[in-house]
Amino acid sequence: MLPLRDSISYHGPAAITKLLIALNVLVFWWQVGGGPVGFERIVFAYGFVPAEFFAAPVAEAYRLVTSMFLHGGVAHLLGNMWFLWVFGPALEGRLGWARYASLYLLAGVVAAFVQGVLTAGSGVPVVGASGAISGVLGAYFVLFRREYVLSLFWFVFPRFVWLPVGLYLGYWALIQFLYALAGVPGTAWWAHLGGFVLGALLGPSLRQRHPYRSTPYWQGWGD
């Protein structure tokens, strides 16, 4: 289920969301600039490695922040940035830029830490903005649960379907939980859950009464 847009037609300029996307793209450009060897060196130098962190938590604490701006490939980067672009602007408009940026960074740190606690012996670097973006999704889930998200389904033929935010993001969170329990490799599932829970808990306390407009889903996604 690929999200295409939400039902909120006005949310403000979303300057921080755009800045975060630009920063992640620029960092990835720096990663690939050194070729495969340089790429791997950067990942191991700035990615979050649970085993190294718990061996020297003070010295390794910087990785909790730097890891959330690194990505493992083009698909990884594009997937994360797309979700941030779809769900970030409305939340930024609701929270205000300072609280939104704080939530994003805190969720990224907490997500990496949760992943580290549950995989403490791992020497594999954890990278990506998905933990921070999961925090955005968690806060969005709580603050915009009555809105809708337009999703692309591909089952034999593509279909466009408006789904309630509660259903869409609730299903997303359930998948992360089931995959984490199953130990599916290649993705930091516990980081996703940690960020999501943090966002859901903090979202209501951070919200401000900033104006936004909602477009009824039946008016179509091009309105």
Protein backbone atom coordinates (compact mmCIF):
# COMPACT_ATOMS: atom_id res chain seq x y z
CA MET A 1 0.00 0.00 0.00
CA LEU A 2 1.90 3.01 -1.25
CA PRO A 3 0.62 6.28 0.26
CA LEU A 4 0.17 9.02 -2.32
CA ARG A 5 -1.29 11.91 -0.33
CA ASP A 6 -3.49 12.67 2.64
CA SER A 7 -6.86 14.42 2.71
CA ILE A 8 -5.42 17.63 4.18
CA SER A 9 -5.45 20.36 1.54
CA TYR A 10 -3.72 23.08 3.57
CA HIS A 11 -1.00 22.66 6.18
CA GLY A 12 1.48 25.49 5.75
CA PRO A 13 4.85 25.73 3.96
CA ALA A 14 6.42 22.58 5.50
CA ALA A 15 9.87 24.19 5.53
CA ILE A 16 11.39 21.72 8.02
CA THR A 17 10.08 18.71 6.10
CA LYS A 18 11.65 20.05 2.91
CA LEU A 19 14.90 20.83 4.76
CA LEU A 20 15.08 17.31 6.21
CA ILE A 21 14.52 15.76 2.80
CA ALA A 22 17.19 17.96 1.24
CA LEU A 23 19.63 17.15 4.05
CA ASN A 24 19.09 13.41 3.70
CA VAL A 25 19.60 13.60 -0.07
CA LEU A 26 22.79 15.65 0.32
CA VAL A 27 24.20 13.22 2.90
CA PHE A 28 23.44 10.30 0.61
CA TRP A 29 25.18 12.13 -2.23
CA TRP A 30 28.21 12.42 0.04
CA GLN A 31 27.97 8.70 0.84
CA VAL A 32 28.05 7.60 -2.79
CA GLY A 33 30.70 10.17 -3.75
CA GLY A 34 33.51 8.02 -2.39
CA GLY A 35 32.56 4.91 -4.33
CA PRO A 36 31.73 1.53 -2.78
CA VAL A 37 34.70 1.57 -0.40
CA GLY A 38 34.00 5.08 0.78
CA PHE A 39 30.30 4.29 1.13
CA GLU A 40 31.03 1.33 3.41
CA ARG A 41 33.53 3.34 5.43
CA ILE A 42 30.98 6.08 6.12
CA VAL A 43 28.31 3.58 7.14
CA PHE A 44 30.63 1.94 9.67
CA ALA A 45 31.96 5.27 10.92
CA TYR A 46 28.60 6.98 11.46
CA GLY A 47 25.99 4.21 11.51
CA PHE A 48 24.63 2.98 14.84
CA VAL A 49 26.32 -0.30 15.82
CA PRO A 50 24.61 -1.78 18.90
CA ALA A 51 27.57 -3.84 20.10
CA GLU A 52 29.94 -0.87 19.89
CA PHE A 53 27.45 1.49 21.52
CA PHE A 54 26.92 -0.67 24.61
CA ALA A 55 30.65 -1.28 24.90
CA ALA A 56 31.32 2.48 25.11
CA PRO A 57 27.98 4.38 25.26
CA VAL A 58 29.43 7.85 25.88
CA ALA A 59 31.98 7.68 23.08
CA GLU A 60 29.49 6.12 20.67
CA ALA A 61 26.48 8.31 21.51
CA TYR A 62 26.95 10.50 18.42
CA ARG A 63 25.89 7.57 16.25
CA LEU A 64 22.35 7.80 17.61
CA VAL A 65 22.06 11.06 15.66
CA THR A 66 24.34 10.57 12.65
CA SER A 67 22.83 7.18 11.77
CA MET A 68 19.42 8.70 11.03
CA PHE A 69 20.83 10.75 8.14
CA LEU A 70 22.53 7.82 6.39
CA HIS A 71 20.90 5.35 4.00
CA GLY A 72 21.84 1.99 2.61
CA GLY A 73 20.80 2.58 -1.00
CA VAL A 74 18.65 4.57 -3.39
CA ALA A 75 15.47 2.58 -2.71
CA HIS A 76 16.00 2.96 1.04
CA LEU A 77 16.38 6.73 0.69
CA LEU A 78 13.44 7.19 -1.70
CA GLY A 79 11.08 5.07 0.40
CA ASN A 80 11.85 7.00 3.57
CA MET A 81 11.68 10.41 1.94
CA TRP A 82 8.39 9.58 0.26
CA PHE A 83 6.73 8.72 3.56
CA LEU A 84 8.15 11.88 5.12
CA TRP A 85 6.82 13.95 2.20
CA VAL A 86 3.31 12.45 2.48
CA PHE A 87 2.88 12.58 6.27
CA GLY A 88 5.35 15.25 7.42
CA PRO A 89 3.81 18.52 6.17
CA ALA A 90 0.47 18.18 7.98
CA LEU A 91 2.18 17.24 11.24
CA GLU A 92 4.66 20.09 10.91
CA GLY A 93 1.78 22.50 10.39
CA ARG A 94 -0.03 21.14 13.46
CA LEU A 95 2.97 21.13 15.80
CA GLY A 96 4.91 24.14 14.56
CA TRP A 97 8.41 23.88 13.14
CA ALA A 98 10.36 23.74 16.42
CA ARG A 99 8.27 21.02 18.06
CA TYR A 100 8.11 19.05 14.83
CA ALA A 101 11.89 19.12 14.40
CA SER A 102 12.38 18.16 18.05
CA LEU A 103 9.98 15.23 17.73
CA TYR A 104 11.72 14.04 14.56
CA LEU A 105 15.19 14.07 16.12
CA LEU A 106 14.09 12.58 19.43
CA ALA A 107 12.18 9.80 17.69
CA GLY A 108 15.25 8.97 15.62
CA VAL A 109 17.43 8.72 18.71
CA VAL A 110 14.92 6.66 20.68
CA ALA A 111 14.27 4.37 17.71
CA ALA A 112 17.98 3.57 17.33
CA PHE A 113 18.31 3.00 21.08
CA VAL A 114 15.33 0.61 21.15
CA GLN A 115 16.79 -1.33 18.23
CA GLY A 116 20.11 -1.45 20.06
CA VAL A 117 18.61 -2.73 23.31
CA LEU A 118 16.85 -5.58 21.52
CA THR A 119 19.84 -6.48 19.32
CA ALA A 120 22.62 -5.55 21.72
CA GLY A 121 25.17 -8.02 20.38
CA SER A 122 24.83 -7.00 16.73
CA GLY A 123 27.83 -5.60 14.89
CA VAL A 124 25.76 -4.59 11.85
CA PRO A 125 25.33 -0.82 11.45
CA VAL A 126 21.78 0.51 11.68
CA VAL A 127 21.19 3.42 9.28
CA GLY A 128 18.22 5.32 7.92
CA ALA A 129 15.65 7.97 8.73
CA SER A 130 12.86 5.44 9.19
CA GLY A 131 12.98 5.54 13.00
CA ALA A 132 12.55 9.32 13.00
CA ILE A 133 9.87 9.12 10.32
CA SER A 134 8.10 6.43 12.36
CA GLY A 135 7.85 9.06 15.09
CA VAL A 136 6.15 11.33 12.58
CA LEU A 137 3.76 8.51 11.68
CA GLY A 138 2.95 7.82 15.32
CA ALA A 139 2.09 11.45 16.04
CA TYR A 140 0.13 11.66 12.78
CA PHE A 141 -1.79 8.52 13.75
CA VAL A 142 -2.98 10.18 16.96
CA LEU A 143 -3.58 13.74 15.73
CA PHE A 144 -5.13 12.99 12.32
CA ARG A 145 -6.83 9.66 12.91
CA ARG A 146 -10.09 10.91 11.36
CA GLU A 147 -8.44 11.92 8.09
CA TYR A 148 -7.82 9.74 5.03
CA VAL A 149 -4.82 8.69 2.99
CA LEU A 150 -4.93 7.85 -0.71
CA SER A 151 -3.15 4.55 -1.31
CA LEU A 152 -2.05 2.69 -4.39
CA PHE A 153 -2.83 -1.03 -4.32
CA TRP A 154 -1.32 -3.33 -6.90
CA PHE A 155 -3.19 -6.63 -7.04
CA VAL A 156 -3.24 -7.79 -10.67
CA PHE A 157 -4.26 -4.23 -11.62
CA PRO A 158 -3.47 -0.97 -9.81
CA ARG A 159 -6.22 0.58 -7.72
CA PHE A 160 -6.43 3.90 -5.89
CA VAL A 161 -8.24 3.69 -2.55
CA TRP A 162 -8.87 6.24 0.19
CA LEU A 163 -8.28 4.61 3.58
CA PRO A 164 -8.84 6.01 7.08
CA VAL A 165 -5.55 7.08 8.64
CA GLY A 166 -6.25 4.89 11.67
CA LEU A 167 -6.61 1.82 9.46
CA TYR A 168 -3.64 2.59 7.23
CA LEU A 169 -1.12 3.43 9.95
CA GLY A 170 -2.55 0.86 12.35
CA TYR A 171 -1.95 -1.82 9.72
CA TRP A 172 1.54 -0.41 9.12
CA ALA A 173 2.40 -0.62 12.83
CA LEU A 174 1.02 -4.17 13.05
CA ILE A 175 3.23 -5.29 10.17
CA GLN A 176 6.30 -3.82 11.87
CA PHE A 177 5.44 -5.68 15.07
CA LEU A 178 4.83 -9.03 13.37
CA TYR A 179 8.01 -8.78 11.31
CA ALA A 180 10.00 -7.82 14.42
CA LEU A 181 8.66 -10.84 16.33
CA ALA A 182 9.44 -13.09 13.37
CA GLY A 183 12.99 -11.76 13.20
CA VAL A 184 12.77 -10.88 9.52
CA PRO A 185 16.31 -9.68 8.63
CA GLY A 186 17.39 -6.61 6.73
CA THR A 187 15.22 -3.98 8.44
CA ALA A 188 15.30 -2.41 11.91
CA TRP A 189 11.70 -3.32 12.76
CA TRP A 190 12.09 -2.57 16.48
CA ALA A 191 13.38 0.90 15.61
CA HIS A 192 10.22 1.53 13.60
CA LEU A 193 8.05 0.49 16.53
CA GLY A 194 10.08 2.50 19.03
CA GLY A 195 9.79 5.66 16.95
CA PHE A 196 6.08 5.10 16.29
CA VAL A 197 5.21 4.60 19.96
CA LEU A 198 7.20 7.67 20.98
CA GLY A 199 5.42 9.80 18.37
CA ALA A 200 2.02 8.51 19.43
CA LEU A 201 2.76 9.29 23.08
CA LEU A 202 4.26 12.74 22.54
CA GLY A 203 2.05 13.95 19.70
CA PRO A 204 -0.95 15.06 21.79
CA SER A 205 1.21 17.03 24.24
CA LEU A 206 3.08 18.81 21.43
CA ARG A 207 0.12 19.81 19.28
CA GLN A 208 -0.82 23.42 18.76
CA ARG A 209 -4.04 24.78 17.31
CA HIS A 210 -2.54 25.67 13.97
CA PRO A 211 -5.14 25.87 11.20
CA TYR A 212 -5.41 23.22 8.52
CA ARG A 213 -8.01 22.33 5.92
CA SER A 214 -9.20 18.85 5.08
CA THR A 215 -10.46 17.80 1.65
CA PRO A 216 -13.20 15.13 1.82
CA TYR A 217 -11.78 12.00 0.22
CA TRP A 218 -14.75 11.59 -2.10
CA GLN A 219 -13.75 14.76 -3.95
CA GLY A 220 -10.84 12.89 -5.50
CA TRP A 221 -7.11 13.00 -5.08
CA GLY A 222 -6.57 15.69 -7.69
CA ASP A 223 -8.56 18.38 -5.84
